[in-house]
PDB file of all heavy atoms in Angstrom:
ATOM      1  N   ILE A   1      11.304 -17.120  17.743  1.00  0.00           N
ATOM      2  CA  ILE A   1      12.180 -17.823  16.790  1.00  0.00           C
ATOM      3  C   ILE A   1      12.606 -19.159  17.358  1.00  0.00           C
ATOM      4  O   ILE A   1      12.606 -20.186  16.651  1.00  0.00           O
ATOM      5  CB  ILE A   1      13.401 -16.945  16.448  1.00  0.00           C
ATOM      6  CG1 ILE A   1      12.954 -15.703  15.661  1.00  0.00           C
ATOM      7  CG2 ILE A   1      14.435 -17.737  15.644  1.00  0.00           C
ATOM      8  CD1 ILE A   1      14.042 -14.677  15.442  1.00  0.00           C
ATOM      9  N   ALA A   2      12.962 -19.174  18.648  1.00  0.00           N
ATOM     10  CA  ALA A   2      13.368 -20.428  19.286  1.00  0.00           C
ATOM     11  C   ALA A   2      12.238 -21.459  19.263  1.00  0.00           C
ATOM     12  O   ALA A   2      12.480 -22.668  19.194  1.00  0.00           O
ATOM     13  CB  ALA A   2      13.820 -20.164  20.717  1.00  0.00           C
ATOM     14  N   ASP A   3      10.984 -20.964  19.293  1.00  0.00           N
ATOM     15  CA  ASP A   3       9.826 -21.853  19.228  1.00  0.00           C
ATOM     16  C   ASP A   3       9.500 -22.297  17.814  1.00  0.00           C
ATOM     17  O   ASP A   3       8.549 -23.059  17.590  1.00  0.00           O
ATOM     18  CB  ASP A   3       8.594 -21.169  19.828  1.00  0.00           C
ATOM     19  CG  ASP A   3       8.718 -20.964  21.333  1.00  0.00           C
ATOM     20  OD1 ASP A   3       9.517 -21.671  21.957  1.00  0.00           O
ATOM     21  OD2 ASP A   3       8.013 -20.078  21.867  1.00  0.00           O
ATOM     22  N   GLY A   4      10.235 -21.769  16.837  1.00  0.00           N
ATOM     23  CA  GLY A   4      10.032 -22.185  15.451  1.00  0.00           C
ATOM     24  C   GLY A   4       8.890 -21.487  14.751  1.00  0.00           C
ATOM     25  O   GLY A   4       8.354 -21.994  13.771  1.00  0.00           O
ATOM     26  N   THR A   5       8.495 -20.285  15.246  1.00  0.00           N
ATOM     27  CA  THR A   5       7.397 -19.549  14.614  1.00  0.00           C
ATOM     28  C   THR A   5       7.934 -18.210  14.099  1.00  0.00           C
ATOM     29  O   THR A   5       8.807 -17.594  14.712  1.00  0.00           O
ATOM     30  CB  THR A   5       6.249 -19.286  15.596  1.00  0.00           C
ATOM     31  OG1 THR A   5       6.751 -18.582  16.749  1.00  0.00           O
ATOM     32  CG2 THR A   5       5.650 -20.620  16.059  1.00  0.00           C
ATOM     33  N   VAL A   6       7.347 -17.741  12.998  1.00  0.00           N
ATOM     34  CA  VAL A   6       7.721 -16.427  12.489  1.00  0.00           C
ATOM     35  C   VAL A   6       7.398 -15.397  13.571  1.00  0.00           C
ATOM     36  O   VAL A   6       6.272 -15.377  14.083  1.00  0.00           O
ATOM     37  CB  VAL A   6       6.929 -16.105  11.192  1.00  0.00           C
ATOM     38  CG1 VAL A   6       7.282 -14.703  10.693  1.00  0.00           C
ATOM     39  CG2 VAL A   6       7.243 -17.143  10.122  1.00  0.00           C
ATOM     40  N   PRO A   7       8.363 -14.540  13.943  1.00  0.00           N
ATOM     41  CA  PRO A   7       8.156 -13.675  15.126  1.00  0.00           C
ATOM     42  C   PRO A   7       7.364 -12.414  14.836  1.00  0.00           C
ATOM     43  O   PRO A   7       7.813 -11.294  15.096  1.00  0.00           O
ATOM     44  CB  PRO A   7       9.607 -13.342  15.531  1.00  0.00           C
ATOM     45  CG  PRO A   7      10.345 -13.323  14.232  1.00  0.00           C
ATOM     46  CD  PRO A   7       9.727 -14.423  13.406  1.00  0.00           C
ATOM     47  N   TRP A   8       6.161 -12.586  14.309  1.00  0.00           N
ATOM     48  CA  TRP A   8       5.317 -11.441  14.036  1.00  0.00           C
ATOM     49  C   TRP A   8       4.429 -11.116  15.229  1.00  0.00           C
ATOM     50  O   TRP A   8       3.845 -12.014  15.840  1.00  0.00           O
ATOM     51  CB  TRP A   8       4.429 -11.709  12.820  1.00  0.00           C
ATOM     52  CG  TRP A   8       5.164 -11.697  11.512  1.00  0.00           C
ATOM     53  CD1 TRP A   8       6.425 -11.207  11.282  1.00  0.00           C
ATOM     54  CD2 TRP A   8       4.692 -12.177  10.262  1.00  0.00           C
ATOM     55  NE1 TRP A   8       6.759 -11.360   9.975  1.00  0.00           N
ATOM     56  CE2 TRP A   8       5.714 -11.952   9.313  1.00  0.00           C
ATOM     57  CE3 TRP A   8       3.504 -12.790   9.841  1.00  0.00           C
ATOM     58  CZ2 TRP A   8       5.582 -12.316   7.969  1.00  0.00           C
ATOM     59  CZ3 TRP A   8       3.364 -13.133   8.513  1.00  0.00           C
ATOM     60  CH2 TRP A   8       4.396 -12.892   7.586  1.00  0.00           C
ATOM     61  N   ALA A   9       4.301  -9.822  15.488  1.00  0.00           N
ATOM     62  CA  ALA A   9       3.342  -9.382  16.499  1.00  0.00           C
ATOM     63  C   ALA A   9       1.957  -9.273  15.895  1.00  0.00           C
ATOM     64  O   ALA A   9       0.957  -9.353  16.604  1.00  0.00           O
ATOM     65  CB  ALA A   9       3.766  -8.021  17.066  1.00  0.00           C
ATOM     66  N   GLY A  10       1.861  -9.086  14.570  1.00  0.00           N
ATOM     67  CA  GLY A  10       0.576  -8.963  13.918  1.00  0.00           C
ATOM     68  C   GLY A  10       0.744  -8.774  12.421  1.00  0.00           C
ATOM     69  O   GLY A  10       1.843  -8.610  11.904  1.00  0.00           O
ATOM     70  N   SER A  11      -0.376  -8.814  11.715  1.00  0.00           N
ATOM     71  CA  SER A  11      -0.393  -8.588  10.269  1.00  0.00           C
ATOM     72  C   SER A  11      -1.762  -8.071   9.890  1.00  0.00           C
ATOM     73  O   SER A  11      -2.729  -8.189  10.663  1.00  0.00           O
ATOM     74  CB  SER A  11      -0.079  -9.884   9.512  1.00  0.00           C
ATOM     75  OG  SER A  11      -1.095 -10.847   9.726  1.00  0.00           O
ATOM     76  N   GLU A  12      -1.861  -7.490   8.689  1.00  0.00           N
ATOM     77  CA  GLU A  12      -3.151  -7.000   8.222  1.00  0.00           C
ATOM     78  C   GLU A  12      -3.176  -7.003   6.707  1.00  0.00           C
ATOM     79  O   GLU A  12      -2.152  -6.879   6.040  1.00  0.00           O
ATOM     80  CB  GLU A  12      -3.397  -5.565   8.727  1.00  0.00           C
ATOM     81  CG  GLU A  12      -2.386  -4.544   8.246  1.00  0.00           C
ATOM     82  CD  GLU A  12      -2.652  -3.159   8.774  1.00  0.00           C
ATOM     83  OE1 GLU A  12      -3.712  -2.954   9.406  1.00  0.00           O
ATOM     84  OE2 GLU A  12      -1.810  -2.266   8.555  1.00  0.00           O
ATOM     85  N   THR A  13      -4.361  -7.195   6.168  1.00  0.00           N
ATOM     86  CA  THR A  13      -4.584  -7.088   4.724  1.00  0.00           C
ATOM     87  C   THR A  13      -5.101  -5.689   4.431  1.00  0.00           C
ATOM     88  O   THR A  13      -5.986  -5.185   5.119  1.00  0.00           O
ATOM     89  CB  THR A  13      -5.611  -8.131   4.257  1.00  0.00           C
ATOM     90  OG1 THR A  13      -5.104  -9.448   4.543  1.00  0.00           O
ATOM     91  CG2 THR A  13      -5.848  -8.013   2.757  1.00  0.00           C
ATOM     92  N   ILE A  14      -4.524  -5.069   3.417  1.00  0.00           N
ATOM     93  CA  ILE A  14      -4.868  -3.688   3.092  1.00  0.00           C
ATOM     94  C   ILE A  14      -6.163  -3.669   2.270  1.00  0.00           C
ATOM     95  O   ILE A  14      -6.272  -4.356   1.258  1.00  0.00           O
ATOM     96  CB  ILE A  14      -3.734  -3.027   2.308  1.00  0.00           C
ATOM     97  CG1 ILE A  14      -2.406  -3.184   3.047  1.00  0.00           C
ATOM     98  CG2 ILE A  14      -4.037  -1.544   2.070  1.00  0.00           C
ATOM     99  CD1 ILE A  14      -2.405  -2.662   4.440  1.00  0.00           C
ATOM    100  N   SER A  15      -7.123  -2.868   2.710  1.00  0.00           N
ATOM    101  CA  SER A  15      -8.387  -2.749   1.976  1.00  0.00           C
ATOM    102  C   SER A  15      -8.170  -1.941   0.699  1.00  0.00           C
ATOM    103  O   SER A  15      -7.145  -1.266   0.519  1.00  0.00           O
ATOM    104  CB  SER A  15      -9.435  -2.035   2.835  1.00  0.00           C
ATOM    105  OG  SER A  15      -9.087  -0.676   3.027  1.00  0.00           O
ATOM    106  N   ALA A  16      -9.163  -1.989  -0.200  1.00  0.00           N
ATOM    107  CA  ALA A  16      -9.065  -1.231  -1.451  1.00  0.00           C
ATOM    108  C   ALA A  16      -8.921   0.252  -1.169  1.00  0.00           C
ATOM    109  O   ALA A  16      -8.155   0.960  -1.834  1.00  0.00           O
ATOM    110  CB  ALA A  16     -10.292  -1.506  -2.312  1.00  0.00           C
ATOM    111  N   GLN A  17      -9.671   0.763  -0.184  1.00  0.00           N
ATOM    112  CA  GLN A  17      -9.576   2.187   0.174  1.00  0.00           C
ATOM    113  C   GLN A  17      -8.195   2.528   0.722  1.00  0.00           C
ATOM    114  O   GLN A  17      -7.591   3.547   0.356  1.00  0.00           O
ATOM    115  CB  GLN A  17     -10.640   2.538   1.198  1.00  0.00           C
ATOM    116  CG  GLN A  17     -10.629   3.991   1.663  1.00  0.00           C
ATOM    117  CD  GLN A  17     -11.027   4.977   0.578  1.00  0.00           C
ATOM    118  OE1 GLN A  17     -11.724   4.608  -0.359  1.00  0.00           O
ATOM    119  NE2 GLN A  17     -10.561   6.213   0.690  1.00  0.00           N
ATOM    120  N   GLU A  18      -7.672   1.675   1.594  1.00  0.00           N
ATOM    121  CA  GLU A  18      -6.342   1.909   2.140  1.00  0.00           C
ATOM    122  C   GLU A  18      -5.267   1.831   1.050  1.00  0.00           C
ATOM    123  O   GLU A  18      -4.291   2.591   1.070  1.00  0.00           O
ATOM    124  CB  GLU A  18      -6.040   0.898   3.251  1.00  0.00           C
ATOM    125  CG  GLU A  18      -6.845   1.106   4.514  1.00  0.00           C
ATOM    126  CD  GLU A  18      -6.731  -0.068   5.482  1.00  0.00           C
ATOM    127  OE1 GLU A  18      -6.539  -1.205   5.020  1.00  0.00           O
ATOM    128  OE2 GLU A  18      -6.822   0.153   6.690  1.00  0.00           O
ATOM    129  N   HIS A  19      -5.466   0.929   0.095  1.00  0.00           N
ATOM    130  CA  HIS A  19      -4.505   0.812  -1.005  1.00  0.00           C
ATOM    131  C   HIS A  19      -4.480   2.099  -1.828  1.00  0.00           C
ATOM    132  O   HIS A  19      -3.400   2.594  -2.183  1.00  0.00           O
ATOM    133  CB  HIS A  19      -4.868  -0.378  -1.896  1.00  0.00           C
ATOM    134  CG  HIS A  19      -4.024  -0.498  -3.109  1.00  0.00           C
ATOM    135  ND1 HIS A  19      -2.683  -0.856  -3.054  1.00  0.00           N
ATOM    136  CD2 HIS A  19      -4.294  -0.297  -4.431  1.00  0.00           C
ATOM    137  CE1 HIS A  19      -2.176  -0.859  -4.278  1.00  0.00           C
ATOM    138  NE2 HIS A  19      -3.132  -0.535  -5.123  1.00  0.00           N
ATOM    139  N   LEU A  20      -5.657   2.651  -2.105  1.00  0.00           N
ATOM    140  CA  LEU A  20      -5.725   3.906  -2.848  1.00  0.00           C
ATOM    141  C   LEU A  20      -5.012   5.012  -2.077  1.00  0.00           C
ATOM    142  O   LEU A  20      -4.237   5.796  -2.659  1.00  0.00           O
ATOM    143  CB  LEU A  20      -7.183   4.282  -3.095  1.00  0.00           C
ATOM    144  CG  LEU A  20      -7.438   5.672  -3.707  1.00  0.00           C
ATOM    145  CD1 LEU A  20      -6.745   5.802  -5.069  1.00  0.00           C
ATOM    146  CD2 LEU A  20      -8.935   5.926  -3.841  1.00  0.00           C
ATOM    147  N   GLU A  21      -5.240   5.080  -0.779  1.00  0.00           N
ATOM    148  CA  GLU A  21      -4.597   6.100   0.033  1.00  0.00           C
ATOM    149  C   GLU A  21      -3.080   5.937   0.021  1.00  0.00           C
ATOM    150  O   GLU A  21      -2.342   6.930  -0.068  1.00  0.00           O
ATOM    151  CB  GLU A  21      -5.136   6.044   1.473  1.00  0.00           C
ATOM    152  CG  GLU A  21      -6.603   6.437   1.584  1.00  0.00           C
ATOM    153  CD  GLU A  21      -7.182   6.168   2.960  1.00  0.00           C
ATOM    154  OE1 GLU A  21      -6.468   5.568   3.795  1.00  0.00           O
ATOM    155  OE2 GLU A  21      -8.349   6.533   3.192  1.00  0.00           O
ATOM    156  N   GLU A  22      -2.606   4.699   0.078  1.00  0.00           N
ATOM    157  CA  GLU A  22      -1.159   4.477   0.073  1.00  0.00           C
ATOM    158  C   GLU A  22      -0.557   4.840  -1.279  1.00  0.00           C
ATOM    159  O   GLU A  22       0.552   5.410  -1.354  1.00  0.00           O
ATOM    160  CB  GLU A  22      -0.832   3.021   0.423  1.00  0.00           C
ATOM    161  CG  GLU A  22      -1.064   2.695   1.882  1.00  0.00           C
ATOM    162  CD  GLU A  22      -0.473   1.361   2.268  1.00  0.00           C
ATOM    163  OE1 GLU A  22       0.023   0.635   1.394  1.00  0.00           O
ATOM    164  OE2 GLU A  22      -0.477   1.049   3.487  1.00  0.00           O
ATOM    165  N   VAL A  23      -1.239   4.503  -2.375  1.00  0.00           N
ATOM    166  CA  VAL A  23      -0.770   4.888  -3.700  1.00  0.00           C
ATOM    167  C   VAL A  23      -0.549   6.401  -3.763  1.00  0.00           C
ATOM    168  O   VAL A  23       0.477   6.882  -4.269  1.00  0.00           O
ATOM    169  CB  VAL A  23      -1.756   4.425  -4.787  1.00  0.00           C
ATOM    170  CG1 VAL A  23      -1.437   5.092  -6.136  1.00  0.00           C
ATOM    171  CG2 VAL A  23      -1.714   2.915  -4.945  1.00  0.00           C
ATOM    172  N   ILE A  24      -1.501   7.152  -3.234  1.00  0.00           N
ATOM    173  CA  ILE A  24      -1.400   8.619  -3.251  1.00  0.00           C
ATOM    174  C   ILE A  24      -0.272   9.095  -2.345  1.00  0.00           C
ATOM    175  O   ILE A  24       0.587   9.893  -2.754  1.00  0.00           O
ATOM    176  CB  ILE A  24      -2.738   9.238  -2.814  1.00  0.00           C
ATOM    177  CG1 ILE A  24      -3.823   8.952  -3.857  1.00  0.00           C
ATOM    178  CG2 ILE A  24      -2.580  10.749  -2.594  1.00  0.00           C
ATOM    179  CD1 ILE A  24      -5.220   9.303  -3.380  1.00  0.00           C
ATOM    180  N   MET A  25      -0.240   8.608  -1.109  1.00  0.00           N
ATOM    181  CA  MET A  25       0.754   9.106  -0.140  1.00  0.00           C
ATOM    182  C   MET A  25       2.174   8.793  -0.585  1.00  0.00           C
ATOM    183  O   MET A  25       3.081   9.621  -0.390  1.00  0.00           O
ATOM    184  CB  MET A  25       0.486   8.485   1.233  1.00  0.00           C
ATOM    185  CG  MET A  25      -0.755   9.020   1.914  1.00  0.00           C
ATOM    186  SD  MET A  25      -0.909   8.470   3.641  1.00  0.00           S
ATOM    187  CE  MET A  25      -1.183   6.717   3.426  1.00  0.00           C
ATOM    188  N   LEU A  26       2.390   7.644  -1.167  1.00  0.00           N
ATOM    189  CA  LEU A  26       3.729   7.284  -1.594  1.00  0.00           C
ATOM    190  C   LEU A  26       4.123   8.011  -2.883  1.00  0.00           C
ATOM    191  O   LEU A  26       5.231   8.523  -3.019  1.00  0.00           O
ATOM    192  CB  LEU A  26       3.820   5.766  -1.812  1.00  0.00           C
ATOM    193  CG  LEU A  26       3.595   4.908  -0.564  1.00  0.00           C
ATOM    194  CD1 LEU A  26       3.515   3.435  -0.930  1.00  0.00           C
ATOM    195  CD2 LEU A  26       4.702   5.118   0.460  1.00  0.00           C
ATOM    196  N   GLY A  27       3.201   8.102  -3.826  1.00  0.00           N
ATOM    197  CA  GLY A  27       3.510   8.669  -5.131  1.00  0.00           C
ATOM    198  C   GLY A  27       3.849  10.134  -5.092  1.00  0.00           C
ATOM    199  O   GLY A  27       4.731  10.599  -5.844  1.00  0.00           O
ATOM    200  N   VAL A  28       3.182  10.915  -4.228  1.00  0.00           N
ATOM    201  CA  VAL A  28       3.418  12.359  -4.248  1.00  0.00           C
ATOM    202  C   VAL A  28       4.684  12.753  -3.505  1.00  0.00           C
ATOM    203  O   VAL A  28       5.000  13.943  -3.389  1.00  0.00           O
ATOM    204  CB  VAL A  28       2.215  13.158  -3.687  1.00  0.00           C
ATOM    205  CG1 VAL A  28       0.992  12.943  -4.571  1.00  0.00           C
ATOM    206  CG2 VAL A  28       1.937  12.800  -2.239  1.00  0.00           C
ATOM    207  N   ARG A  29       5.429  11.770  -3.001  1.00  0.00           N
ATOM    208  CA  ARG A  29       6.728  12.070  -2.380  1.00  0.00           C
ATOM    209  C   ARG A  29       7.870  11.962  -3.392  1.00  0.00           C
ATOM    210  O   ARG A  29       9.005  12.311  -3.080  1.00  0.00           O
ATOM    211  CB  ARG A  29       6.993  11.118  -1.219  1.00  0.00           C
ATOM    212  CG  ARG A  29       6.087  11.329  -0.021  1.00  0.00           C
ATOM    213  CD  ARG A  29       6.531  10.462   1.145  1.00  0.00           C
ATOM    214  NE  ARG A  29       7.839  10.856   1.647  1.00  0.00           N
ATOM    215  CZ  ARG A  29       8.051  11.771   2.583  1.00  0.00           C
ATOM    216  NH1 ARG A  29       7.033  12.417   3.113  1.00  0.00           N
ATOM    217  NH2 ARG A  29       9.282  12.056   2.988  1.00  0.00           N
ATOM    218  N   LEU A  30       7.576  11.478  -4.588  1.00  0.00           N
ATOM    219  CA  LEU A  30       8.639  11.133  -5.541  1.00  0.00           C
ATOM    220  C   LEU A  30       8.739  12.138  -6.678  1.00  0.00           C
ATOM    221  O   LEU A  30       7.724  12.658  -7.157  1.00  0.00           O
ATOM    222  CB  LEU A  30       8.395   9.745  -6.124  1.00  0.00           C
ATOM    223  CG  LEU A  30       8.493   8.576  -5.153  1.00  0.00           C
ATOM    224  CD1 LEU A  30       8.066   7.292  -5.826  1.00  0.00           C
ATOM    225  CD2 LEU A  30       9.913   8.445  -4.600  1.00  0.00           C
ATOM    226  N   ARG A  31       9.977  12.334  -7.149  1.00  0.00           N
ATOM    227  CA  ARG A  31      10.203  13.190  -8.309  1.00  0.00           C
ATOM    228  C   ARG A  31       9.532  12.603  -9.544  1.00  0.00           C
ATOM    229  O   ARG A  31       9.046  13.338 -10.410  1.00  0.00           O
ATOM    230  CB  ARG A  31      11.707  13.340  -8.560  1.00  0.00           C
ATOM    231  CG  ARG A  31      12.049  14.317  -9.685  1.00  0.00           C
ATOM    232  CD  ARG A  31      13.540  14.318  -9.995  1.00  0.00           C
ATOM    233  NE  ARG A  31      13.866  15.378 -10.943  1.00  0.00           N
ATOM    234  CZ  ARG A  31      14.307  16.583 -10.605  1.00  0.00           C
ATOM    235  NH1 ARG A  31      14.497  16.887  -9.328  1.00  0.00           N
ATOM    236  NH2 ARG A  31      14.582  17.485 -11.530  1.00  0.00           N
ATOM    237  N   GLU A  32       9.492  11.256  -9.648  1.00  0.00           N
ATOM    238  CA  GLU A  32       8.828  10.628 -10.793  1.00  0.00           C
ATOM    239  C   GLU A  32       7.329  10.851 -10.762  1.00  0.00           C
ATOM    240  O   GLU A  32       6.635  10.681 -11.759  1.00  0.00           O
ATOM    241  CB  GLU A  32       9.154   9.139 -10.840  1.00  0.00           C
ATOM    242  CG  GLU A  32       8.612   8.358  -9.688  1.00  0.00           C
ATOM    243  CD  GLU A  32       9.212   6.975  -9.559  1.00  0.00           C
ATOM    244  OE1 GLU A  32      10.447   6.836  -9.716  1.00  0.00           O
ATOM    245  OE2 GLU A  32       8.459   6.023  -9.296  1.00  0.00           O
ATOM    246  N   GLY A  33       6.829  11.197  -9.567  1.00  0.00           N
ATOM    247  CA  GLY A  33       5.445  11.613  -9.434  1.00  0.00           C
ATOM    248  C   GLY A  33       4.453  10.469  -9.230  1.00  0.00           C
ATOM    249  O   GLY A  33       4.791   9.282  -9.244  1.00  0.00           O
ATOM    250  N   LEU A  34       3.237  10.875  -9.006  1.00  0.00           N
ATOM    251  CA  LEU A  34       2.112   9.960  -8.813  1.00  0.00           C
ATOM    252  C   LEU A  34       1.426   9.773 -10.170  1.00  0.00           C
ATOM    253  O   LEU A  34       0.813  10.722 -10.698  1.00  0.00           O
ATOM    254  CB  LEU A  34       1.131  10.552  -7.803  1.00  0.00           C
ATOM    255  CG  LEU A  34      -0.236   9.874  -7.665  1.00  0.00           C
ATOM    256  CD1 LEU A  34      -0.083   8.444  -7.179  1.00  0.00           C
ATOM    257  CD2 LEU A  34      -1.128  10.682  -6.713  1.00  0.00           C
ATOM    258  N   ALA A  35       1.557   8.595 -10.743  1.00  0.00           N
ATOM    259  CA  ALA A  35       0.946   8.335 -12.048  1.00  0.00           C
ATOM    260  C   ALA A  35      -0.576   8.328 -11.889  1.00  0.00           C
ATOM    261  O   ALA A  35      -1.117   7.570 -11.080  1.00  0.00           O
ATOM    262  CB  ALA A  35       1.441   7.003 -12.586  1.00  0.00           C
ATOM    263  N   ILE A  36      -1.245   9.180 -12.649  1.00  0.00           N
ATOM    264  CA  ILE A  36      -2.694   9.250 -12.546  1.00  0.00           C
ATOM    265  C   ILE A  36      -3.341   7.927 -12.931  1.00  0.00           C
ATOM    266  O   ILE A  36      -4.360   7.524 -12.363  1.00  0.00           O
ATOM    267  CB  ILE A  36      -3.236  10.399 -13.420  1.00  0.00           C
ATOM    268  CG1 ILE A  36      -2.675  11.736 -12.915  1.00  0.00           C
ATOM    269  CG2 ILE A  36      -4.762  10.444 -13.393  1.00  0.00           C
ATOM    270  CD1 ILE A  36      -3.028  12.936 -13.761  1.00  0.00           C
ATOM    271  N   ALA A  37      -2.701   7.191 -13.850  1.00  0.00           N
ATOM    272  CA  ALA A  37      -3.222   5.870 -14.229  1.00  0.00           C
ATOM    273  C   ALA A  37      -3.215   4.918 -13.029  1.00  0.00           C
ATOM    274  O   ALA A  37      -4.125   4.092 -12.890  1.00  0.00           O
ATOM    275  CB  ALA A  37      -2.385   5.295 -15.364  1.00  0.00           C
ATOM    276  N   ASP A  38      -2.219   5.038 -12.149  1.00  0.00           N
ATOM    277  CA  ASP A  38      -2.176   4.193 -10.949  1.00  0.00           C
ATOM    278  C   ASP A  38      -3.324   4.554 -10.013  1.00  0.00           C
ATOM    279  O   ASP A  38      -3.928   3.673  -9.375  1.00  0.00           O
ATOM    280  CB  ASP A  38      -0.846   4.365 -10.220  1.00  0.00           C
ATOM    281  CG  ASP A  38       0.321   3.733 -10.970  1.00  0.00           C
ATOM    282  OD1 ASP A  38       0.085   2.926 -11.883  1.00  0.00           O
ATOM    283  OD2 ASP A  38       1.483   4.044 -10.614  1.00  0.00           O
ATOM    284  N   VAL A  39      -3.621   5.843  -9.906  1.00  0.00           N
ATOM    285  CA  VAL A  39      -4.739   6.269  -9.064  1.00  0.00           C
ATOM    286  C   VAL A  39      -6.054   5.741  -9.638  1.00  0.00           C
ATOM    287  O   VAL A  39      -6.912   5.230  -8.899  1.00  0.00           O
ATOM    288  CB  VAL A  39      -4.775   7.808  -8.937  1.00  0.00           C
ATOM    289  CG1 VAL A  39      -5.950   8.247  -8.068  1.00  0.00           C
ATOM    290  CG2 VAL A  39      -3.475   8.321  -8.363  1.00  0.00           C
ATOM    291  N   GLU A  40      -6.200   5.859 -10.948  1.00  0.00           N
ATOM    292  CA  GLU A  40      -7.431   5.367 -11.589  1.00  0.00           C
ATOM    293  C   GLU A  40      -7.598   3.871 -11.407  1.00  0.00           C
ATOM    294  O   GLU A  40      -8.695   3.374 -11.146  1.00  0.00           O
ATOM    295  CB  GLU A  40      -7.404   5.716 -13.085  1.00  0.00           C
ATOM    296  CG  GLU A  40      -7.545   7.204 -13.352  1.00  0.00           C
ATOM    297  CD  GLU A  40      -7.406   7.560 -14.829  1.00  0.00           C
ATOM    298  OE1 GLU A  40      -6.647   6.846 -15.542  1.00  0.00           O
ATOM    299  OE2 GLU A  40      -8.065   8.503 -15.278  1.00  0.00           O
ATOM    300  N   ARG A  41      -6.484   3.149 -11.500  1.00  0.00           N
ATOM    301  CA  ARG A  41      -6.535   1.698 -11.315  1.00  0.00           C
ATOM    302  C   ARG A  41      -6.967   1.352  -9.894  1.00  0.00           C
ATOM    303  O   ARG A  41      -7.785   0.466  -9.668  1.00  0.00           O
ATOM    304  CB  ARG A  41      -5.169   1.092 -11.644  1.00  0.00           C
ATOM    305  CG  ARG A  41      -5.146  -0.424 -11.744  1.00  0.00           C
ATOM    306  CD  ARG A  41      -3.762  -0.929 -12.151  1.00  0.00           C
ATOM    307  NE  ARG A  41      -3.320  -0.322 -13.414  1.00  0.00           N
ATOM    308  CZ  ARG A  41      -2.323   0.528 -13.531  1.00  0.00           C
ATOM    309  NH1 ARG A  41      -1.644   0.915 -12.456  1.00  0.00           N
ATOM    310  NH2 ARG A  41      -1.985   0.999 -14.707  1.00  0.00           N
ATOM    311  N   ALA A  42      -6.385   2.066  -8.929  1.00  0.00           N
ATOM    312  CA  ALA A  42      -6.727   1.819  -7.520  1.00  0.00           C
ATOM    313  C   ALA A  42      -8.147   2.268  -7.201  1.00  0.00           C
ATOM    314  O   ALA A  42      -8.846   1.636  -6.410  1.00  0.00           O
ATOM    315  CB  ALA A  42      -5.725   2.492  -6.599  1.00  0.00           C
ATOM    316  N   ALA A  43      -8.580   3.371  -7.829  1.00  0.00           N
ATOM    317  CA  ALA A  43      -9.923   3.902  -7.574  1.00  0.00           C
ATOM    318  C   ALA A  43     -10.998   3.158  -8.333  1.00  0.00           C
ATOM    319  O   ALA A  43     -12.177   3.168  -7.947  1.00  0.00           O
ATOM    320  CB  ALA A  43      -9.980   5.387  -7.913  1.00  0.00           C
ATOM    321  N   GLY A  44     -10.628   2.527  -9.451  1.00  0.00           N
ATOM    322  CA  GLY A  44     -11.574   1.779 -10.250  1.00  0.00           C
ATOM    323  C   GLY A  44     -12.393   2.608 -11.193  1.00  0.00           C
ATOM    324  O   GLY A  44     -13.430   2.152 -11.687  1.00  0.00           O
ATOM    325  N   HIS A  45     -11.945   3.841 -11.467  1.00  0.00           N
ATOM    326  CA  HIS A  45     -12.683   4.675 -12.416  1.00  0.00           C
ATOM    327  C   HIS A  45     -11.748   5.743 -12.980  1.00  0.00           C
ATOM    328  O   HIS A  45     -10.692   6.048 -12.390  1.00  0.00           O
ATOM    329  CB  HIS A  45     -13.901   5.325 -11.753  1.00  0.00           C
ATOM    330  CG  HIS A  45     -13.568   6.173 -10.563  1.00  0.00           C
ATOM    331  ND1 HIS A  45     -13.060   7.453 -10.668  1.00  0.00           N
ATOM    332  CD2 HIS A  45     -13.642   5.913  -9.229  1.00  0.00           C
ATOM    333  CE1 HIS A  45     -12.864   7.943  -9.457  1.00  0.00           C
ATOM    334  NE2 HIS A  45     -13.214   7.037  -8.565  1.00  0.00           N
TER     335      HIS A  45
END
């Protein structure tokens, strides 16, 4: 921060496969549930 840079150790872009996995892992923890339409959108079919 003193050097004027964002103090990140690293970053990553989430792949389509990782995005699908995250949609599933996050959604099935919730009472509102995992919307199947969200899975289809992430899976592409």
